Amino acid sequence: MPEIFSIHGEDVALGEDRQIHLNIARLPTYTNIDLPVRIIRAKNDGPVVLLSGGLHGDEINGIEIVRRLISNDHLKLTSGTIIAVPLMNVYGFIQNVRGVPDGKDINRSFPGNKHGSLAKLVAYNIMNEIIPKVDYGVDFHTGGASRANYPQIRCVFDIPKNMELARAFAPPVILNSNLVASSFRKAAHNKGKHILVYETGESLRMDEAGIETAIAGTKRLLKHLGMRDTAPEAGTIDEYNKSKWLRAKYAGIFNTSIQLGDKVKKRQIVGRITDPFGNERFNLKAPDSGQVIGLNNSPVVHKGDAILHIATN
């Protein structure tokens, strides 16, 4: 990366720490919505790493991970550059929703279009202003409404650099996850950039353990890339080739008998569904042996609802 680093027409030199603002669009009230981007450069040249959160506006854990990395001085670098975007979806964050006001999911709108919908406009700016500058990245996410995720990195096992970066991050679980059409990760891959996805917790809930796991993993990744001197020691990593959801066969009240991160055996009873009136009770059995990486925390479920996410080999 050259001595002078330019984004959106603004120059950042080696050793500088600056925040710039990408103008995305404006609200019907003529209020402009900007995308704040923090650029932290060491005095020595090195890789450029993107740390991003809040692509879905209600996924608070990802936002908090990047915020803490910035504000608690975890990003003191010996070399290289960090591009930190704690909140990619300002619109969704304001309204506590996943998408944007037109209902679209930004993470299914890449590579975007400068003349498209709001979601495509956000995606276009990310792809054209930020992605050309980065080498690697971690996009921090959270489970959906009432569905909590165990701390995990999702990447493509068949891409060697993906696996190298994931193992350097060293989360409790690494899951093989194919590139999804129109997603941020696939659009970045098409540009030759390696983006990992980190998942923890559930929407609109803080997951303290998962946040701290992400901060430690980011430090390990940066050390692996030669961008910092120290990092916490890694713990045990479980790697899984695939995953499977257990879905409710009956509507009712869901009671779980396991926790996130538990190892389970095929056909092990993992919970039960009862009716509200004390007449019926149905046991739920694990569809395969593996590790619980997702759990529905809603006590009321309908037939077909996702109950349990199990990573398997």
Protein backbone atom coordinates (compact mmCIF):
# COMPACT_ATOMS: atom_id res chain seq x y z
CA MET A 1 0.00 0.00 0.00
CA PRO A 2 1.46 3.43 -0.91
CA GLU A 3 2.51 5.99 1.69
CA ILE A 4 -0.60 8.05 0.93
CA PHE A 5 -3.85 6.08 1.18
CA SER A 6 -6.94 7.67 -0.40
CA ILE A 7 -10.61 6.87 0.18
CA HIS A 8 -13.45 9.00 -1.18
CA GLY A 9 -10.97 11.67 -2.22
CA GLU A 10 -9.43 11.99 1.26
CA ASP A 11 -5.77 11.14 1.85
CA VAL A 12 -4.45 9.30 4.90
CA ALA A 13 -0.70 9.00 5.36
CA LEU A 14 1.31 6.33 7.21
CA GLY A 15 0.98 6.80 10.97
CA GLU A 16 -2.34 8.66 10.73
CA ASP A 17 -5.66 7.79 12.36
CA ARG A 18 -8.64 9.49 10.72
CA GLN A 19 -12.39 9.16 10.35
CA ILE A 20 -13.99 10.01 7.04
CA HIS A 21 -17.63 9.99 5.97
CA LEU A 22 -19.07 8.43 2.83
CA ASN A 23 -22.27 10.17 1.80
CA ILE A 24 -24.81 7.46 0.88
CA ALA A 25 -28.18 9.19 0.49
CA ARG A 26 -30.65 11.33 2.39
CA LEU A 27 -33.91 10.71 4.19
CA PRO A 28 -37.22 12.21 3.01
CA THR A 29 -36.62 14.93 5.62
CA TYR A 30 -33.45 15.99 3.72
CA THR A 31 -31.35 14.52 6.53
CA ASN A 32 -28.14 13.12 5.08
CA ILE A 33 -27.06 9.64 6.12
CA ASP A 34 -23.29 9.18 6.02
CA LEU A 35 -21.24 6.04 6.49
CA PRO A 36 -18.45 6.72 9.05
CA VAL A 37 -15.21 4.94 8.17
CA ARG A 38 -12.22 4.87 10.53
CA ILE A 39 -8.78 4.46 8.95
CA ILE A 40 -5.92 3.54 11.28
CA ARG A 41 -2.46 3.34 9.68
CA ALA A 42 0.77 2.19 11.27
CA LYS A 43 4.02 3.97 10.51
CA ASN A 44 5.15 0.90 8.57
CA ASP A 45 3.53 -0.49 5.43
CA GLY A 46 1.66 -3.79 5.55
CA PRO A 47 -1.65 -5.50 4.79
CA VAL A 48 -4.98 -3.64 4.76
CA VAL A 49 -7.66 -5.32 6.88
CA LEU A 50 -11.35 -4.42 6.93
CA LEU A 51 -13.27 -4.84 10.20
CA SER A 52 -16.99 -4.33 9.63
CA GLY A 53 -20.20 -4.70 11.61
CA GLY A 54 -23.84 -3.76 11.43
CA LEU A 55 -24.50 -4.84 7.85
CA HIS A 56 -27.81 -5.88 9.38
CA GLY A 57 -29.01 -3.00 11.52
CA ASP A 58 -30.32 -5.09 14.45
CA GLU A 59 -27.12 -7.14 14.86
CA ILE A 60 -25.68 -5.20 17.77
CA ASN A 61 -22.86 -7.61 18.68
CA GLY A 62 -21.00 -6.96 15.44
CA ILE A 63 -21.26 -3.22 15.95
CA GLU A 64 -20.03 -3.51 19.53
CA ILE A 65 -17.08 -5.72 18.54
CA VAL A 66 -15.72 -3.15 16.09
CA ARG A 67 -16.50 -0.27 18.44
CA ARG A 68 -14.52 -1.85 21.28
CA LEU A 69 -11.62 -2.70 18.99
CA ILE A 70 -11.40 1.00 18.12
CA SER A 71 -12.15 2.64 21.46
CA ASN A 72 -10.17 0.32 23.75
CA ASP A 73 -6.91 0.73 21.80
CA HIS A 74 -6.88 -2.86 20.55
CA LEU A 75 -5.80 -1.63 17.11
CA LYS A 76 -2.33 -0.32 17.93
CA LEU A 77 -0.44 -1.60 14.91
CA THR A 78 3.20 -2.25 14.19
CA SER A 79 2.48 -2.28 10.46
CA GLY A 80 -0.37 -2.17 7.97
CA THR A 81 -3.75 -0.45 7.87
CA ILE A 82 -7.15 -1.06 9.46
CA ILE A 83 -10.33 0.13 7.79
CA ALA A 84 -12.99 -0.08 10.51
CA VAL A 85 -16.69 0.35 9.74
CA PRO A 86 -18.63 -0.42 12.93
CA LEU A 87 -22.03 0.35 11.42
CA MET A 88 -22.58 -0.36 7.73
CA ASN A 89 -26.38 -0.12 7.85
CA VAL A 90 -27.14 3.16 9.58
CA TYR A 91 -30.77 3.04 8.39
CA GLY A 92 -31.50 -0.34 9.96
CA PHE A 93 -29.73 0.59 13.18
CA ILE A 94 -31.91 3.68 13.66
CA GLN A 95 -35.06 1.58 13.33
CA ASN A 96 -33.78 -1.59 15.08
CA VAL A 97 -34.42 -3.67 11.95
CA ARG A 98 -32.34 -6.00 9.81
CA GLY A 99 -32.71 -4.26 6.46
CA VAL A 100 -33.32 -0.76 5.16
CA PRO A 101 -36.58 1.26 4.94
CA ASP A 102 -37.52 -0.28 1.57
CA GLY A 103 -37.38 -3.74 3.18
CA LYS A 104 -34.35 -4.97 1.24
CA ASP A 105 -31.45 -6.93 2.78
CA ILE A 106 -28.14 -5.20 2.01
CA ASN A 107 -26.36 -8.56 2.30
CA ARG A 108 -28.36 -9.82 -0.67
CA SER A 109 -27.83 -6.65 -2.72
CA PHE A 110 -24.16 -6.84 -3.71
CA PRO A 111 -22.30 -5.70 -5.73
CA GLY A 112 -24.88 -2.93 -5.74
CA ASN A 113 -25.90 -0.22 -8.18
CA LYS A 114 -25.38 3.53 -7.88
CA HIS A 115 -28.81 4.07 -9.46
CA GLY A 116 -30.54 1.25 -7.57
CA SER A 117 -32.57 0.89 -4.39
CA LEU A 118 -31.23 2.09 -1.05
CA ALA A 119 -29.80 -1.35 -0.23
CA LYS A 120 -28.04 -1.51 -3.60
CA LEU A 121 -26.75 2.03 -3.13
CA VAL A 122 -25.15 1.14 0.23
CA ALA A 123 -23.65 -2.01 -1.32
CA TYR A 124 -22.31 -0.05 -4.29
CA ASN A 125 -20.50 2.43 -2.06
CA ILE A 126 -18.94 -0.34 0.02
CA MET A 127 -17.78 -2.21 -3.08
CA ASN A 128 -16.38 0.83 -4.86
CA GLU A 129 -14.99 2.97 -2.07
CA ILE A 130 -13.73 0.38 0.45
CA ILE A 131 -13.23 -3.09 -1.03
CA PRO A 132 -10.66 -2.04 -3.68
CA LYS A 133 -8.39 -0.88 -0.82
CA VAL A 134 -8.46 -4.01 1.37
CA ASP A 135 -6.58 -7.30 1.31
CA TYR A 136 -8.52 -9.21 3.96
CA GLY A 137 -11.48 -8.65 6.23
CA VAL A 138 -13.76 -9.91 8.98
CA ASP A 139 -17.45 -9.08 8.77
CA PHE A 140 -19.03 -9.43 12.23
CA HIS A 141 -22.61 -10.74 12.39
CA THR A 142 -25.23 -11.94 14.86
CA GLY A 143 -28.02 -14.52 14.72
CA GLY A 144 -31.55 -13.57 13.73
CA ALA A 145 -34.45 -12.65 15.97
CA SER A 146 -34.58 -15.06 18.96
CA ARG A 147 -31.98 -17.33 17.30
CA ALA A 148 -28.59 -17.18 19.00
CA ASN A 149 -25.33 -18.31 17.39
CA TYR A 150 -22.36 -19.88 19.14
CA PRO A 151 -19.11 -17.97 18.36
CA GLN A 152 -18.00 -19.20 14.93
CA ILE A 153 -16.13 -18.25 11.77
CA ARG A 154 -17.78 -19.11 8.46
CA CYS A 155 -15.55 -19.51 5.42
CA VAL A 156 -14.94 -21.74 2.39
CA PHE A 157 -12.73 -24.71 3.26
CA ASP A 158 -11.69 -25.20 -0.38
CA ILE A 159 -10.06 -21.73 -0.47
CA PRO A 160 -6.66 -22.17 1.26
CA LYS A 161 -6.31 -18.51 2.25
CA ASN A 162 -9.75 -18.63 3.90
CA MET A 163 -8.65 -21.54 6.06
CA GLU A 164 -5.32 -19.91 6.89
CA LEU A 165 -7.05 -16.75 8.11
CA ALA A 166 -9.80 -18.64 9.97
CA ARG A 167 -7.30 -20.80 11.85
CA ALA A 168 -5.25 -17.72 12.69
CA PHE A 169 -8.41 -16.09 14.15
CA ALA A 170 -8.92 -19.36 16.09
CA PRO A 171 -12.60 -19.17 17.13
CA PRO A 172 -14.24 -22.06 19.01
CA VAL A 173 -15.86 -23.25 15.74
CA ILE A 174 -14.95 -22.93 12.06
CA LEU A 175 -17.79 -23.87 9.71
CA ASN A 176 -17.51 -24.56 6.00
CA SER A 177 -19.95 -22.13 4.39
CA ASN A 178 -20.37 -21.70 0.64
CA LEU A 179 -20.47 -18.26 -0.93
CA VAL A 180 -24.05 -17.00 -1.20
CA ALA A 181 -25.23 -15.21 -4.34
CA SER A 182 -25.41 -11.39 -4.01
CA SER A 183 -23.77 -11.47 -0.56
CA PHE A 184 -20.99 -9.16 0.59
CA ARG A 185 -18.61 -12.10 1.04
CA LYS A 186 -19.14 -13.40 -2.50
CA ALA A 187 -18.91 -9.96 -4.11
CA ALA A 188 -15.62 -9.37 -2.28
CA HIS A 189 -14.38 -12.83 -3.33
CA ASN A 190 -15.13 -11.96 -6.96
CA LYS A 191 -12.74 -9.02 -6.51
CA GLY A 192 -10.02 -11.30 -5.12
CA LYS A 193 -10.58 -10.26 -1.47
CA HIS A 194 -10.78 -12.73 1.41
CA ILE A 195 -13.58 -11.87 3.86
CA LEU A 196 -14.40 -14.08 6.85
CA VAL A 197 -17.80 -13.97 8.55
CA TYR A 198 -17.91 -14.13 12.35
CA GLU A 199 -21.21 -14.96 14.07
CA THR A 200 -22.20 -14.72 17.73
CA GLY A 201 -25.32 -14.16 19.83
CA GLU A 202 -28.76 -12.98 18.71
CA SER A 203 -30.21 -9.75 17.36
CA LEU A 204 -30.76 -6.84 19.78
CA ARG A 205 -28.97 -8.71 22.60
CA MET A 206 -25.41 -8.27 23.85
CA ASP A 207 -23.36 -11.48 23.94
CA GLU A 208 -20.43 -10.56 26.17
CA ALA A 209 -18.55 -13.86 25.79
CA GLY A 210 -18.92 -13.79 22.01
CA ILE A 211 -17.77 -10.15 21.82
CA GLU A 212 -14.62 -10.88 23.83
CA THR A 213 -13.96 -14.01 21.75
CA ALA A 214 -14.10 -11.87 18.60
CA ILE A 215 -11.71 -9.26 20.00
CA ALA A 216 -9.18 -11.93 20.97
CA GLY A 217 -9.54 -13.60 17.56
CA THR A 218 -9.01 -10.31 15.73
CA LYS A 219 -5.80 -9.74 17.67
CA ARG A 220 -4.58 -13.22 16.73
CA LEU A 221 -5.40 -12.59 13.06
CA LEU A 222 -3.56 -9.27 13.05
CA LYS A 223 -0.53 -10.88 14.70
CA HIS A 224 -0.57 -13.63 12.07
CA LEU A 225 -0.52 -10.96 9.37
CA GLY A 226 2.45 -9.23 11.01
CA MET A 227 0.41 -6.20 12.04
CA ARG A 228 0.88 -6.48 15.81
CA ASP A 229 3.38 -8.16 18.14
CA THR A 230 1.16 -9.82 20.73
CA ALA A 231 -2.15 -11.68 20.90
CA PRO A 232 -3.99 -14.00 23.30
CA GLU A 233 -3.28 -17.71 23.07
CA ALA A 234 -5.77 -19.74 21.03
CA GLY A 235 -8.05 -22.33 22.57
CA THR A 236 -9.50 -25.49 21.07
CA ILE A 237 -10.92 -25.15 17.55
CA ASP A 238 -13.58 -27.49 16.17
CA GLU A 239 -13.91 -27.58 12.37
CA TYR A 240 -17.07 -28.77 10.62
CA ASN A 241 -17.79 -29.40 6.96
CA LYS A 242 -21.54 -28.80 7.08
CA SER A 243 -24.48 -27.98 9.31
CA LYS A 244 -28.09 -29.05 9.70
CA TRP A 245 -31.18 -27.41 11.20
CA LEU A 246 -33.67 -29.29 13.35
CA ARG A 247 -37.14 -27.88 12.68
CA ALA A 248 -40.29 -28.12 14.74
CA LYS A 249 -42.70 -30.82 13.61
CA TYR A 250 -45.37 -29.48 15.94
CA ALA A 251 -46.48 -26.06 17.17
CA GLY A 252 -46.31 -25.37 20.90
CA ILE A 253 -44.00 -24.35 23.73
CA PHE A 254 -40.34 -25.21 23.20
CA ASN A 255 -38.18 -26.26 26.15
CA THR A 256 -34.53 -27.00 25.47
CA SER A 257 -32.37 -29.45 27.39
CA ILE A 258 -29.05 -28.37 25.84
CA GLN A 259 -27.03 -25.17 25.51
CA LEU A 260 -25.13 -23.41 22.76
CA GLY A 261 -21.77 -25.09 22.18
CA ASP A 262 -22.85 -28.49 23.54
CA LYS A 263 -21.72 -31.63 21.73
CA VAL A 264 -24.66 -33.95 20.96
CA LYS A 265 -25.12 -37.48 19.67
CA LYS A 266 -27.46 -38.53 16.89
CA ARG A 267 -31.00 -39.10 18.23
CA GLN A 268 -30.10 -37.60 21.60
CA ILE A 269 -33.10 -35.83 23.16
CA VAL A 270 -32.31 -32.11 22.96
CA GLY A 271 -35.63 -30.68 24.09
CA ARG A 272 -39.37 -31.03 23.89
CA ILE A 273 -42.45 -29.26 22.57
CA THR A 274 -45.58 -29.20 24.69
CA ASP A 275 -49.02 -27.72 24.17
CA PRO A 276 -50.15 -24.91 26.53
CA PHE A 277 -52.86 -27.06 28.10
CA GLY A 278 -50.86 -30.00 29.50
CA ASN A 279 -52.20 -32.61 27.07
CA GLU A 280 -49.32 -33.24 24.65
CA ARG A 281 -45.55 -33.58 24.81
CA PHE A 282 -43.16 -34.35 21.97
CA ASN A 283 -39.45 -35.08 22.39
CA LEU A 284 -36.98 -33.48 19.99
CA LYS A 285 -33.99 -35.59 18.90
CA ALA A 286 -30.74 -34.44 17.34
CA PRO A 287 -30.75 -35.25 13.59
CA ASP A 288 -27.02 -36.03 13.67
CA SER A 289 -23.98 -36.04 15.93
CA GLY A 290 -22.18 -32.73 16.16
CA GLN A 291 -22.05 -29.41 18.01
CA VAL A 292 -24.89 -26.99 18.71
CA ILE A 293 -23.99 -23.71 16.96
CA GLY A 294 -27.47 -22.14 16.83
CA LEU A 295 -30.44 -22.21 19.21
CA ASN A 296 -33.94 -20.74 19.05
CA ASN A 297 -34.58 -18.90 22.33
CA SER A 298 -38.26 -18.24 21.57
CA PRO A 299 -40.48 -20.40 23.82
CA VAL A 300 -43.38 -20.32 21.35
CA VAL A 301 -42.75 -22.13 18.07
CA HIS A 302 -44.78 -23.01 14.99
CA LYS A 303 -44.50 -26.05 12.78
CA GLY A 304 -41.45 -25.66 10.55
CA ASP A 305 -39.64 -23.15 12.77
CA ALA A 306 -35.88 -23.57 13.06
CA ILE A 307 -35.13 -24.94 16.52
CA LEU A 308 -31.53 -26.11 16.62
CA HIS A 309 -28.52 -25.65 14.33
CA ILE A 310 -25.99 -28.49 14.53
CA ALA A 311 -22.54 -28.43 12.89
CA THR A 312 -21.48 -31.86 11.64
CA ASN A 313 -18.85 -33.67 9.57
